[in-house]
Structures are given as C-alpha cells and as structure tokens.
C-alpha cells in the first residue's frame, strides 16, 4: 500500500506554523475529516473504506497557475485504468468524498476528486450552510468548473488512466455538474447524478442548467433522486425526462419514494442505507454497461 499523504497524523495539528505554507495546508486538508457545515456527523453509520491495495492521497494540479488539490485513489501499481471523476457536494472534498473515491478504486477505477471551489474559498471551514453558499458556492462559474475537470481528465490520461473509459458521478452540487459536464465533454462514456439540481435561475455564472442541455445530451446519465427531496421537485424530474426524450442519450432516472436529499451521505441524518446501497449497485452496473 502506498500512501501519498499520512492524513491521520495531521488531524489536530495547527493549520499554520513557520514551516506550513498555504499550499501545504490545502494539500493535507483535502480528504480529511468532515466539513464544518456538515457537522455533527452520524458516526454510527459512516462507511469506512481502507487503503489496502490502493495508491491513495492528494496530488496537486497546476491549472492556469492555480494550485488545485485533488484526492486520487486507484489500485496500486496498475495502469490503463478506467477513470471516474467524483464531484463533491457543496461541502467540498472531505472524508466522505475521499471514501467514495476509495470505494471506486476498490472496484478497479482511478477515482479523482478535485477541489473545484479552491479559487473561491475553503468550503470546509464554513459552519453555516447559507454562508457557505453565499460566500463560496454561488461564486463558482460553470465555465471554470468545466475547464478544471478538463484538466483533471488530461492529468488522468498522462498518469495511467484510460480516458477512453471515462465516467463521472457527483452528489448534490456535483450531481448537477455531472449532467453539465456530460454535455460539455461527449467523450464521457457514462454519468451518474445523485440528487443534482435540474433547473434554476440562468445567469452569467450558470447560463444553463440540466433541463437546457438535456435534449442535446449524447452521454447516458443515470439520475438517482429522492421523492422526498424538498429542494428538487418531482415535476423538475418529469420536465427533465421530457427534454431527454427529445435526444439520444438514453439517460434514465431512479426515484426512491422514501428518500430525501442526501440519501447517499452516510455521515448525515438524511442517509437511507437501503436506497444508498441500491443506488451504489446501480451506479456500478451503469458504468460497467456503458464503459465496455
């Protein structure tokens, strides 16, 4: 087992000291602990995936002069691996997202979860969700995210990933980005969007939403949604289905009648173990079918 960073040893240490630059702090913080706004966690239900047999840890990407931290997990010593892009919730790349990456790595994937909020701020430090959205998330342009994901894909291709077998999955904010990136990059072979928003206000930062790109979508995307999600109305799912039917992507939805938003997040009260496990198996099957 190769660990690029010993995260456990860093927990509890001060964020800065004489020898600890901002760059090093970002590098060690990604994938460690849980975002402040997501606390308290439901420790009794947290799924924990070890790194046995994996190469796992943080690598830094230089994207147009910006240092972007990325959690990478993959089978140790393997190359030509199928690639899955793991796109985080609004809370950023914290322990849950890193664990999801390790789960994919255990299935034979190179899993990459980059911090797409790094230019706007540190999503993990905010204690209030409203402030997090206002101060960070609402300021992140789709165009920036698409370019950053393109850079992650280029890194994967240069570092042992088989980008001819490219998949993407994301949660909440990342679920919406899954739809949008699948439209942006037709080389993606499959996407799985977990409870990502489908419509909303169009502006300079978000000129379109999934309902606007659905008819032209070529990539098959599986949408995993909860019927009790108060933030994503069921009629928006029906609207998305109508738009998708105009195109050729062969995308599908699975709507769980008893689940709220965030039903896959095993560290939060919204977790629905039965539906989360079912969704995970559907996700793996979707990728297996569409990546070849």
C-alpha atoms as a PDB file:
ATOM      1  CA  UNK A   1       0.000   0.000   0.000  1.00  0.00           C
ATOM      2  CA  UNK A   2       1.331   3.422  -0.971  1.00  0.00           C
ATOM      3  CA  UNK A   3       0.107   6.495   0.863  1.00  0.00           C
ATOM      4  CA  UNK A   4       0.922   9.844  -0.740  1.00  0.00           C
ATOM      5  CA  UNK A   5      -0.023  11.623   2.475  1.00  0.00           C
ATOM      6  CA  UNK A   6      -0.424  10.353   6.029  1.00  0.00           C
ATOM      7  CA  UNK A   7      -3.678  12.174   6.767  1.00  0.00           C
ATOM      8  CA  UNK A   8      -4.363  10.655  10.170  1.00  0.00           C
ATOM      9  CA  UNK A   9      -1.179  12.091  11.630  1.00  0.00           C
ATOM     10  CA  UNK A  10      -2.237  15.612  10.683  1.00  0.00           C
ATOM     11  CA  UNK A  11      -5.569  15.688  12.476  1.00  0.00           C
ATOM     12  CA  UNK A  12      -5.460  18.062  15.431  1.00  0.00           C
ATOM     13  CA  UNK A  13      -2.335  19.900  14.281  1.00  0.00           C
ATOM     14  CA  UNK A  14      -2.464  23.676  13.808  1.00  0.00           C
ATOM     15  CA  UNK A  15      -3.358  24.882  10.340  1.00  0.00           C
ATOM     16  CA  UNK A  16      -0.264  27.077  10.031  1.00  0.00           C
ATOM     17  CA  UNK A  17       3.175  27.231  11.581  1.00  0.00           C
ATOM     18  CA  UNK A  18       6.559  28.534  10.475  1.00  0.00           C
ATOM     19  CA  UNK A  19       7.061  25.673   8.029  1.00  0.00           C
ATOM     20  CA  UNK A  20       3.491  25.234   6.853  1.00  0.00           C
ATOM     21  CA  UNK A  21       2.533  27.277   3.793  1.00  0.00           C
ATOM     22  CA  UNK A  22      -0.977  27.780   2.449  1.00  0.00           C
ATOM     23  CA  UNK A  23      -0.210  25.293  -0.325  1.00  0.00           C
ATOM     24  CA  UNK A  24       0.790  22.576   2.125  1.00  0.00           C
ATOM     25  CA  UNK A  25      -2.247  23.244   4.283  1.00  0.00           C
ATOM     26  CA  UNK A  26      -4.582  22.760   1.332  1.00  0.00           C
ATOM     27  CA  UNK A  27      -2.740  19.624   0.323  1.00  0.00           C
ATOM     28  CA  UNK A  28      -3.144  17.983   3.717  1.00  0.00           C
ATOM     29  CA  UNK A  29      -6.672  19.216   4.417  1.00  0.00           C
ATOM     30  CA  UNK A  30      -8.344  17.658   1.376  1.00  0.00           C
ATOM     31  CA  UNK A  31      -9.960  14.321   2.175  1.00  0.00           C
ATOM     32  CA  UNK A  32      -9.557  14.708   5.936  1.00  0.00           C
ATOM     33  CA  UNK A  33     -12.395  14.968   8.433  1.00  0.00           C
ATOM     34  CA  UNK A  34     -15.798  16.418   7.653  1.00  0.00           C
ATOM     35  CA  UNK A  35     -16.750  19.898   6.529  1.00  0.00           C
ATOM     36  CA  UNK A  36     -17.762  22.121   9.431  1.00  0.00           C
ATOM     37  CA  UNK A  37     -21.153  22.920   7.895  1.00  0.00           C
ATOM     38  CA  UNK A  38     -21.949  19.202   7.697  1.00  0.00           C
ATOM     39  CA  UNK A  39     -21.436  18.576  11.411  1.00  0.00           C
ATOM     40  CA  UNK A  40     -22.409  16.819  13.584  1.00  0.00           C
ATOM     41  CA  UNK A  41     -21.868  13.519  11.817  1.00  0.00           C
ATOM     42  CA  UNK A  42     -23.767  10.311  12.486  1.00  0.00           C
ATOM     43  CA  UNK A  43     -20.723   8.263  13.397  1.00  0.00           C
ATOM     44  CA  UNK A  44     -22.622   5.009  13.816  1.00  0.00           C
ATOM     45  CA  UNK A  45     -23.498   4.819  10.111  1.00  0.00           C
ATOM     46  CA  UNK A  46     -20.311   6.044   8.437  1.00  0.00           C
ATOM     47  CA  UNK A  47     -18.962   3.693   5.784  1.00  0.00           C
ATOM     48  CA  UNK A  48     -15.180   3.455   6.006  1.00  0.00           C
ATOM     49  CA  UNK A  49     -13.052   2.127   3.149  1.00  0.00           C
ATOM     50  CA  UNK A  50      -9.410   1.309   3.816  1.00  0.00           C
ATOM     51  CA  UNK A  51      -6.464   1.915   1.507  1.00  0.00           C
ATOM     52  CA  UNK A  52      -5.198  -1.668   1.438  1.00  0.00           C
ATOM     53  CA  UNK A  53      -4.014  -2.413  -2.098  1.00  0.00           C
ATOM     54  CA  UNK A  54      -4.525   1.186  -3.174  1.00  0.00           C
ATOM     55  CA  UNK A  55      -2.485   4.213  -4.021  1.00  0.00           C
ATOM     56  CA  UNK A  56      -4.463   6.947  -2.288  1.00  0.00           C
ATOM     57  CA  UNK A  57      -3.828  10.534  -1.327  1.00  0.00           C
ATOM     58  CA  UNK A  58      -3.608  14.110  -2.545  1.00  0.00           C
ATOM     59  CA  UNK A  59      -1.870  15.313  -5.670  1.00  0.00           C
ATOM     60  CA  UNK A  60      -1.622  18.956  -6.707  1.00  0.00           C
ATOM     61  CA  UNK A  61      -2.589  20.139 -10.167  1.00  0.00           C
ATOM     62  CA  UNK A  62      -1.386  23.429 -11.592  1.00  0.00           C
ATOM     63  CA  UNK A  63      -4.306  24.743 -13.642  1.00  0.00           C
ATOM     64  CA  UNK A  64      -3.593  28.121 -15.234  1.00  0.00           C
ATOM     65  CA  UNK A  65      -1.319  28.995 -12.337  1.00  0.00           C
ATOM     66  CA  UNK A  66      -3.777  27.885  -9.655  1.00  0.00           C
ATOM     67  CA  UNK A  67      -2.815  25.035  -7.353  1.00  0.00           C
ATOM     68  CA  UNK A  68      -5.812  22.696  -7.264  1.00  0.00           C
ATOM     69  CA  UNK A  69      -5.716  19.836  -4.747  1.00  0.00           C
ATOM     70  CA  UNK A  70      -7.148  16.517  -5.872  1.00  0.00           C
ATOM     71  CA  UNK A  71      -7.784  13.330  -3.953  1.00  0.00           C
ATOM     72  CA  UNK A  72      -6.759  10.320  -6.041  1.00  0.00           C
ATOM     73  CA  UNK A  73      -7.426   6.655  -5.288  1.00  0.00           C
ATOM     74  CA  UNK A  74      -6.597   3.720  -7.568  1.00  0.00           C
ATOM     75  CA  UNK A  75      -5.393   0.120  -7.439  1.00  0.00           C
ATOM     76  CA  UNK A  76      -1.721   0.121  -6.523  1.00  0.00           C
ATOM     77  CA  UNK A  77       0.715  -0.499  -9.366  1.00  0.00           C
ATOM     78  CA  UNK A  78      -1.942  -0.653 -12.097  1.00  0.00           C
ATOM     79  CA  UNK A  79      -2.191   1.368 -15.311  1.00  0.00           C
ATOM     80  CA  UNK A  80      -4.679   1.701 -18.147  1.00  0.00           C
ATOM     81  CA  UNK A  81      -7.420   2.050 -15.569  1.00  0.00           C
ATOM     82  CA  UNK A  82     -10.946   3.240 -16.294  1.00  0.00           C
ATOM     83  CA  UNK A  83     -11.406   6.713 -14.820  1.00  0.00           C
ATOM     84  CA  UNK A  84     -14.252   8.009 -12.676  1.00  0.00           C
ATOM     85  CA  UNK A  85     -14.494  11.687 -11.828  1.00  0.00           C
ATOM     86  CA  UNK A  86     -16.023  12.135  -8.365  1.00  0.00           C
ATOM     87  CA  UNK A  87     -17.660  15.544  -7.959  1.00  0.00           C
ATOM     88  CA  UNK A  88     -18.345  16.673  -4.405  1.00  0.00           C
ATOM     89  CA  UNK A  89     -21.303  18.185  -2.630  1.00  0.00           C
ATOM     90  CA  UNK A  90     -21.154  21.843  -1.603  1.00  0.00           C
ATOM     91  CA  UNK A  91     -19.018  20.741   1.352  1.00  0.00           C
ATOM     92  CA  UNK A  92     -16.006  20.042  -0.835  1.00  0.00           C
ATOM     93  CA  UNK A  93     -13.619  17.106  -0.864  1.00  0.00           C
ATOM     94  CA  UNK A  94     -13.891  15.961   2.730  1.00  0.00           C
ATOM     95  CA  UNK A  95     -13.692  12.482   4.234  1.00  0.00           C
ATOM     96  CA  UNK A  96     -16.920  11.187   2.729  1.00  0.00           C
ATOM     97  CA  UNK A  97     -15.927  12.114  -0.829  1.00  0.00           C
ATOM     98  CA  UNK A  98     -12.439  10.656  -0.323  1.00  0.00           C
ATOM     99  CA  UNK A  99     -14.061   7.453   0.921  1.00  0.00           C
ATOM    100  CA  UNK A 100     -16.293   7.293  -2.159  1.00  0.00           C
ATOM    101  CA  UNK A 101     -13.149   7.607  -4.279  1.00  0.00           C
ATOM    102  CA  UNK A 102     -11.604   4.682  -2.396  1.00  0.00           C
ATOM    103  CA  UNK A 103     -14.773   2.635  -2.957  1.00  0.00           C
ATOM    104  CA  UNK A 104     -14.393   3.131  -6.705  1.00  0.00           C
ATOM    105  CA  UNK A 105     -10.689   2.304  -6.504  1.00  0.00           C
ATOM    106  CA  UNK A 106     -11.557  -0.992  -4.840  1.00  0.00           C
ATOM    107  CA  UNK A 107     -13.675  -1.694  -7.942  1.00  0.00           C
ATOM    108  CA  UNK A 108     -10.687  -1.148 -10.232  1.00  0.00           C
ATOM    109  CA  UNK A 109     -11.083   2.524 -11.127  1.00  0.00           C
ATOM    110  CA  UNK A 110      -8.794   5.503 -10.993  1.00  0.00           C
ATOM    111  CA  UNK A 111     -11.042   7.804  -8.959  1.00  0.00           C
ATOM    112  CA  UNK A 112     -10.304  11.535  -8.948  1.00  0.00           C
ATOM    113  CA  UNK A 113     -11.972  14.112  -6.693  1.00  0.00           C
ATOM    114  CA  UNK A 114     -10.625  17.634  -7.165  1.00  0.00           C
ATOM    115  CA  UNK A 115     -11.463  20.750  -5.140  1.00  0.00           C
ATOM    116  CA  UNK A 116     -13.431  22.822  -7.639  1.00  0.00           C
ATOM    117  CA  UNK A 117     -14.075  25.576  -5.082  1.00  0.00           C
ATOM    118  CA  UNK A 118     -10.443  26.379  -4.304  1.00  0.00           C
ATOM    119  CA  UNK A 119     -10.373  29.703  -6.190  1.00  0.00           C
ATOM    120  CA  UNK A 120     -13.433  30.992  -4.327  1.00  0.00           C
ATOM    121  CA  UNK A 121     -12.604  29.756  -0.827  1.00  0.00           C
ATOM    122  CA  UNK A 122     -12.336  26.869   1.599  1.00  0.00           C
ATOM    123  CA  UNK A 123     -15.718  25.128   1.665  1.00  0.00           C
ATOM    124  CA  UNK A 124     -14.681  23.025   4.638  1.00  0.00           C
ATOM    125  CA  UNK A 125     -14.264  25.880   7.107  1.00  0.00           C
ATOM    126  CA  UNK A 126     -17.773  27.344   6.981  1.00  0.00           C
ATOM    127  CA  UNK A 127     -20.065  26.386   9.853  1.00  0.00           C
ATOM    128  CA  UNK A 128     -23.233  27.779   8.284  1.00  0.00           C
ATOM    129  CA  UNK A 129     -24.603  26.329   5.039  1.00  0.00           C
ATOM    130  CA  UNK A 130     -26.217  29.607   3.973  1.00  0.00           C
ATOM    131  CA  UNK A 131     -22.941  31.476   4.377  1.00  0.00           C
ATOM    132  CA  UNK A 132     -21.073  28.717   2.551  1.00  0.00           C
ATOM    133  CA  UNK A 133     -23.437  29.011  -0.404  1.00  0.00           C
ATOM    134  CA  UNK A 134     -23.322  32.811  -0.399  1.00  0.00           C
ATOM    135  CA  UNK A 135     -19.580  33.254   0.061  1.00  0.00           C
ATOM    136  CA  UNK A 136     -18.246  30.333  -1.995  1.00  0.00           C
ATOM    137  CA  UNK A 137     -20.637  28.139  -3.959  1.00  0.00           C
ATOM    138  CA  UNK A 138     -22.660  30.926  -5.573  1.00  0.00           C
ATOM    139  CA  UNK A 139     -19.453  32.480  -6.923  1.00  0.00           C
ATOM    140  CA  UNK A 140     -18.194  29.393  -8.804  1.00  0.00           C
ATOM    141  CA  UNK A 141     -18.686  29.748 -12.580  1.00  0.00           C
ATOM    142  CA  UNK A 142     -19.687  26.693 -14.589  1.00  0.00           C
ATOM    143  CA  UNK A 143     -17.097  27.618 -17.216  1.00  0.00           C
ATOM    144  CA  UNK A 144     -14.332  27.459 -14.602  1.00  0.00           C
ATOM    145  CA  UNK A 145     -15.520  24.062 -13.381  1.00  0.00           C
ATOM    146  CA  UNK A 146     -15.681  22.627 -16.896  1.00  0.00           C
ATOM    147  CA  UNK A 147     -12.112  23.775 -17.598  1.00  0.00           C
ATOM    148  CA  UNK A 148     -10.875  22.374 -14.300  1.00  0.00           C
ATOM    149  CA  UNK A 149     -12.490  18.998 -14.961  1.00  0.00           C
ATOM    150  CA  UNK A 150     -10.919  19.004 -18.420  1.00  0.00           C
ATOM    151  CA  UNK A 151      -7.554  19.463 -16.698  1.00  0.00           C
ATOM    152  CA  UNK A 152      -8.288  16.557 -14.346  1.00  0.00           C
ATOM    153  CA  UNK A 153      -9.085  14.350 -17.343  1.00  0.00           C
ATOM    154  CA  UNK A 154      -5.816  15.404 -19.013  1.00  0.00           C
ATOM    155  CA  UNK A 155      -3.937  14.541 -15.798  1.00  0.00           C
ATOM    156  CA  UNK A 156      -5.604  11.127 -15.725  1.00  0.00           C
ATOM    157  CA  UNK A 157      -4.579  10.406 -19.305  1.00  0.00           C
ATOM    158  CA  UNK A 158      -0.974  11.358 -18.546  1.00  0.00           C
ATOM    159  CA  UNK A 159      -0.832   9.303 -15.334  1.00  0.00           C
ATOM    160  CA  UNK A 160      -2.086   5.812 -16.140  1.00  0.00           C
ATOM    161  CA  UNK A 161      -5.770   6.425 -16.675  1.00  0.00           C
ATOM    162  CA  UNK A 162      -7.660   5.159 -19.703  1.00  0.00           C
ATOM    163  CA  UNK A 163      -9.772   8.163 -20.654  1.00  0.00           C
ATOM    164  CA  UNK A 164     -11.426   6.141 -23.406  1.00  0.00           C
ATOM    165  CA  UNK A 165     -13.292   4.676 -20.424  1.00  0.00           C
ATOM    166  CA  UNK A 166     -14.271   7.889 -18.677  1.00  0.00           C
ATOM    167  CA  UNK A 167     -17.144   8.153 -16.202  1.00  0.00           C
ATOM    168  CA  UNK A 168     -18.403  10.899 -13.920  1.00  0.00           C
ATOM    169  CA  UNK A 169     -20.528  10.896 -10.793  1.00  0.00           C
ATOM    170  CA  UNK A 170     -21.450  13.606  -8.333  1.00  0.00           C
ATOM    171  CA  UNK A 171     -23.624  14.440  -5.350  1.00  0.00           C
ATOM    172  CA  UNK A 172     -25.914  17.452  -4.828  1.00  0.00           C
ATOM    173  CA  UNK A 173     -23.889  20.319  -6.394  1.00  0.00           C
ATOM    174  CA  UNK A 174     -21.799  17.616  -8.021  1.00  0.00           C
ATOM    175  CA  UNK A 175     -24.927  15.902  -9.324  1.00  0.00           C
ATOM    176  CA  UNK A 176     -25.807  18.993 -11.334  1.00  0.00           C
ATOM    177  CA  UNK A 177     -22.216  19.258 -12.542  1.00  0.00           C
ATOM    178  CA  UNK A 178     -22.391  15.611 -13.647  1.00  0.00           C
ATOM    179  CA  UNK A 179     -25.193  16.482 -16.087  1.00  0.00           C
ATOM    180  CA  UNK A 180     -23.399  19.634 -17.238  1.00  0.00           C
ATOM    181  CA  UNK A 181     -20.012  18.012 -17.788  1.00  0.00           C
ATOM    182  CA  UNK A 182     -21.588  15.101 -19.655  1.00  0.00           C
ATOM    183  CA  UNK A 183     -22.948  17.710 -22.079  1.00  0.00           C
ATOM    184  CA  UNK A 184     -19.638  19.591 -22.161  1.00  0.00           C
ATOM    185  CA  UNK A 185     -17.472  16.560 -22.922  1.00  0.00           C
ATOM    186  CA  UNK A 186     -19.063  13.971 -25.229  1.00  0.00           C
ATOM    187  CA  UNK A 187     -16.047  11.698 -24.664  1.00  0.00           C
ATOM    188  CA  UNK A 188     -17.556  10.811 -21.278  1.00  0.00           C
ATOM    189  CA  UNK A 189     -18.997   7.322 -21.591  1.00  0.00           C
ATOM    190  CA  UNK A 190     -21.351   7.379 -18.605  1.00  0.00           C
ATOM    191  CA  UNK A 191     -22.567   9.591 -15.789  1.00  0.00           C
ATOM    192  CA  UNK A 192     -24.437   9.029 -12.545  1.00  0.00           C
ATOM    193  CA  UNK A 193     -26.018  12.118 -10.984  1.00  0.00           C
ATOM    194  CA  UNK A 194     -27.067  11.822  -7.341  1.00  0.00           C
ATOM    195  CA  UNK A 195     -29.819  14.335  -6.467  1.00  0.00           C
ATOM    196  CA  UNK A 196     -28.380  17.174  -8.523  1.00  0.00           C
ATOM    197  CA  UNK A 197     -30.498  20.234  -9.279  1.00  0.00           C
ATOM    198  CA  UNK A 198     -32.104  20.191 -12.720  1.00  0.00           C
ATOM    199  CA  UNK A 199     -33.323  23.750 -13.224  1.00  0.00           C
ATOM    200  CA  UNK A 200     -32.784  27.185 -11.764  1.00  0.00           C
ATOM    201  CA  UNK A 201     -32.040  30.819 -12.457  1.00  0.00           C
ATOM    202  CA  UNK A 202     -29.881  31.380 -15.515  1.00  0.00           C
ATOM    203  CA  UNK A 203     -27.128  33.959 -15.124  1.00  0.00           C
ATOM    204  CA  UNK A 204     -23.580  34.732 -16.211  1.00  0.00           C
ATOM    205  CA  UNK A 205     -22.086  32.105 -13.901  1.00  0.00           C
ATOM    206  CA  UNK A 206     -24.708  29.473 -14.721  1.00  0.00           C
ATOM    207  CA  UNK A 207     -26.001  30.256 -18.215  1.00  0.00           C
ATOM    208  CA  UNK A 208     -27.712  26.881 -18.442  1.00  0.00           C
ATOM    209  CA  UNK A 209     -28.978  24.078 -16.249  1.00  0.00           C
ATOM    210  CA  UNK A 210     -29.563  20.389 -16.984  1.00  0.00           C
ATOM    211  CA  UNK A 211     -33.036  20.990 -18.432  1.00  0.00           C
ATOM    212  CA  UNK A 212     -31.497  23.319 -21.027  1.00  0.00           C
ATOM    213  CA  UNK A 213     -28.860  20.821 -22.178  1.00  0.00           C
ATOM    214  CA  UNK A 214     -30.905  17.621 -21.933  1.00  0.00           C
ATOM    215  CA  UNK A 215     -32.206  17.467 -25.494  1.00  0.00           C
ATOM    216  CA  UNK A 216     -28.694  17.678 -26.937  1.00  0.00           C
ATOM    217  CA  UNK A 217     -27.075  15.313 -24.461  1.00  0.00           C
ATOM    218  CA  UNK A 218     -25.214  12.365 -26.031  1.00  0.00           C
ATOM    219  CA  UNK A 219     -23.859  10.738 -22.876  1.00  0.00           C
ATOM    220  CA  UNK A 220     -26.053   8.260 -20.957  1.00  0.00           C
ATOM    221  CA  UNK A 221     -26.642   9.621 -17.450  1.00  0.00           C
ATOM    222  CA  UNK A 222     -28.412   7.783 -14.638  1.00  0.00           C
ATOM    223  CA  UNK A 223     -30.209  10.134 -12.264  1.00  0.00           C
ATOM    224  CA  UNK A 224     -30.616   8.880  -8.682  1.00  0.00           C
ATOM    225  CA  UNK A 225     -33.132  11.030  -6.824  1.00  0.00           C
ATOM    226  CA  UNK A 226     -35.336  11.007  -3.728  1.00  0.00           C
ATOM    227  CA  UNK A 227     -39.074  11.639  -3.914  1.00  0.00           C
ATOM    228  CA  UNK A 228     -38.906  13.373  -0.507  1.00  0.00           C
ATOM    229  CA  UNK A 229     -36.223  15.824  -1.648  1.00  0.00           C
ATOM    230  CA  UNK A 230     -37.777  19.189  -0.798  1.00  0.00           C
ATOM    231  CA  UNK A 231     -35.196  21.046  -2.893  1.00  0.00           C
ATOM    232  CA  UNK A 232     -35.717  19.133  -6.134  1.00  0.00           C
ATOM    233  CA  UNK A 233     -39.411  18.984  -7.045  1.00  0.00           C
ATOM    234  CA  UNK A 234     -40.669  15.852  -8.737  1.00  0.00           C
ATOM    235  CA  UNK A 235     -42.041  17.989 -11.562  1.00  0.00           C
ATOM    236  CA  UNK A 236     -38.476  19.078 -12.394  1.00  0.00           C
ATOM    237  CA  UNK A 237     -37.578  15.412 -12.871  1.00  0.00           C
ATOM    238  CA  UNK A 238     -40.591  14.997 -15.148  1.00  0.00           C
ATOM    239  CA  UNK A 239     -39.534  18.104 -17.082  1.00  0.00           C
ATOM    240  CA  UNK A 240     -36.026  16.664 -17.444  1.00  0.00           C
ATOM    241  CA  UNK A 241     -37.444  13.390 -18.765  1.00  0.00           C
ATOM    242  CA  UNK A 242     -39.434  15.254 -21.401  1.00  0.00           C
ATOM    243  CA  UNK A 243     -36.329  17.122 -22.553  1.00  0.00           C
ATOM    244  CA  UNK A 244     -34.186  13.980 -22.560  1.00  0.00           C
ATOM    245  CA  UNK A 245     -36.762  12.200 -24.710  1.00  0.00           C
ATOM    246  CA  UNK A 246     -36.040  14.730 -27.455  1.00  0.00           C
ATOM    247  CA  UNK A 247     -32.454  13.495 -27.699  1.00  0.00           C
ATOM    248  CA  UNK A 248     -30.429  10.297 -27.977  1.00  0.00           C
ATOM    249  CA  UNK A 249     -28.572   9.922 -24.667  1.00  0.00           C
ATOM    250  CA  UNK A 250     -30.643   7.002 -23.334  1.00  0.00           C
ATOM    251  CA  UNK A 251     -30.483   8.550 -19.870  1.00  0.00           C
ATOM    252  CA  UNK A 252     -32.658   7.180 -17.081  1.00  0.00           C
ATOM    253  CA  UNK A 253     -33.948   8.074 -13.618  1.00  0.00           C
ATOM    254  CA  UNK A 254     -34.409   6.084 -10.459  1.00  0.00           C
ATOM    255  CA  UNK A 255     -36.541   7.938  -7.923  1.00  0.00           C
ATOM    256  CA  UNK A 256     -36.605   6.450  -4.429  1.00  0.00           C
ATOM    257  CA  UNK A 257     -40.021   7.077  -2.838  1.00  0.00           C
ATOM    258  CA  UNK A 258     -38.795   7.136   0.767  1.00  0.00           C
ATOM    259  CA  UNK A 259     -35.572   9.110   0.399  1.00  0.00           C
ATOM    260  CA  UNK A 260     -34.794  12.799   0.949  1.00  0.00           C
ATOM    261  CA  UNK A 261     -31.947  14.834  -0.467  1.00  0.00           C
ATOM    262  CA  UNK A 262     -28.533  13.463   0.510  1.00  0.00           C
ATOM    263  CA  UNK A 263     -29.677   9.875   0.967  1.00  0.00           C
ATOM    264  CA  UNK A 264     -26.242   8.543  -0.001  1.00  0.00           C
ATOM    265  CA  UNK A 265     -24.398  10.666   2.583  1.00  0.00           C
ATOM    266  CA  UNK A 266     -23.764   8.055   5.273  1.00  0.00           C
ATOM    267  CA  UNK A 267     -22.424  10.644   7.729  1.00  0.00           C
ATOM    268  CA  UNK A 268     -25.657  12.706   7.785  1.00  0.00           C
ATOM    269  CA  UNK A 269     -29.182  12.133   9.171  1.00  0.00           C
ATOM    270  CA  UNK A 270     -30.505  12.098   5.581  1.00  0.00           C
ATOM    271  CA  UNK A 271     -28.789   8.751   4.946  1.00  0.00           C
ATOM    272  CA  UNK A 272     -31.055   5.954   3.749  1.00  0.00           C
ATOM    273  CA  UNK A 273     -28.966   2.807   3.915  1.00  0.00           C
ATOM    274  CA  UNK A 274     -31.200   0.637   1.741  1.00  0.00           C
ATOM    275  CA  UNK A 275     -31.541   3.190  -1.037  1.00  0.00           C
ATOM    276  CA  UNK A 276     -27.902   4.255  -0.823  1.00  0.00           C
ATOM    277  CA  UNK A 277     -26.722   0.679  -1.286  1.00  0.00           C
ATOM    278  CA  UNK A 278     -29.172   0.128  -4.122  1.00  0.00           C
ATOM    279  CA  UNK A 279     -28.033   3.339  -5.795  1.00  0.00           C
ATOM    280  CA  UNK A 280     -24.387   2.340  -5.444  1.00  0.00           C
ATOM    281  CA  UNK A 281     -25.017  -1.000  -7.134  1.00  0.00           C
ATOM    282  CA  UNK A 282     -26.959   0.728  -9.913  1.00  0.00           C
ATOM    283  CA  UNK A 283     -24.088   3.179 -10.325  1.00  0.00           C
ATOM    284  CA  UNK A 284     -21.515   0.398 -10.682  1.00  0.00           C
ATOM    285  CA  UNK A 285     -23.744  -1.514 -13.110  1.00  0.00           C
ATOM    286  CA  UNK A 286     -24.348   1.634 -15.185  1.00  0.00           C
ATOM    287  CA  UNK A 287     -20.632   2.234 -15.510  1.00  0.00           C
ATOM    288  CA  UNK A 288     -19.907  -1.394 -16.324  1.00  0.00           C
ATOM    289  CA  UNK A 289     -22.548  -1.435 -19.054  1.00  0.00           C
ATOM    290  CA  UNK A 290     -21.586   1.837 -20.683  1.00  0.00           C
ATOM    291  CA  UNK A 291     -17.802   1.834 -20.338  1.00  0.00           C
ATOM    292  CA  UNK A 292     -17.462  -1.548 -22.025  1.00  0.00           C
END
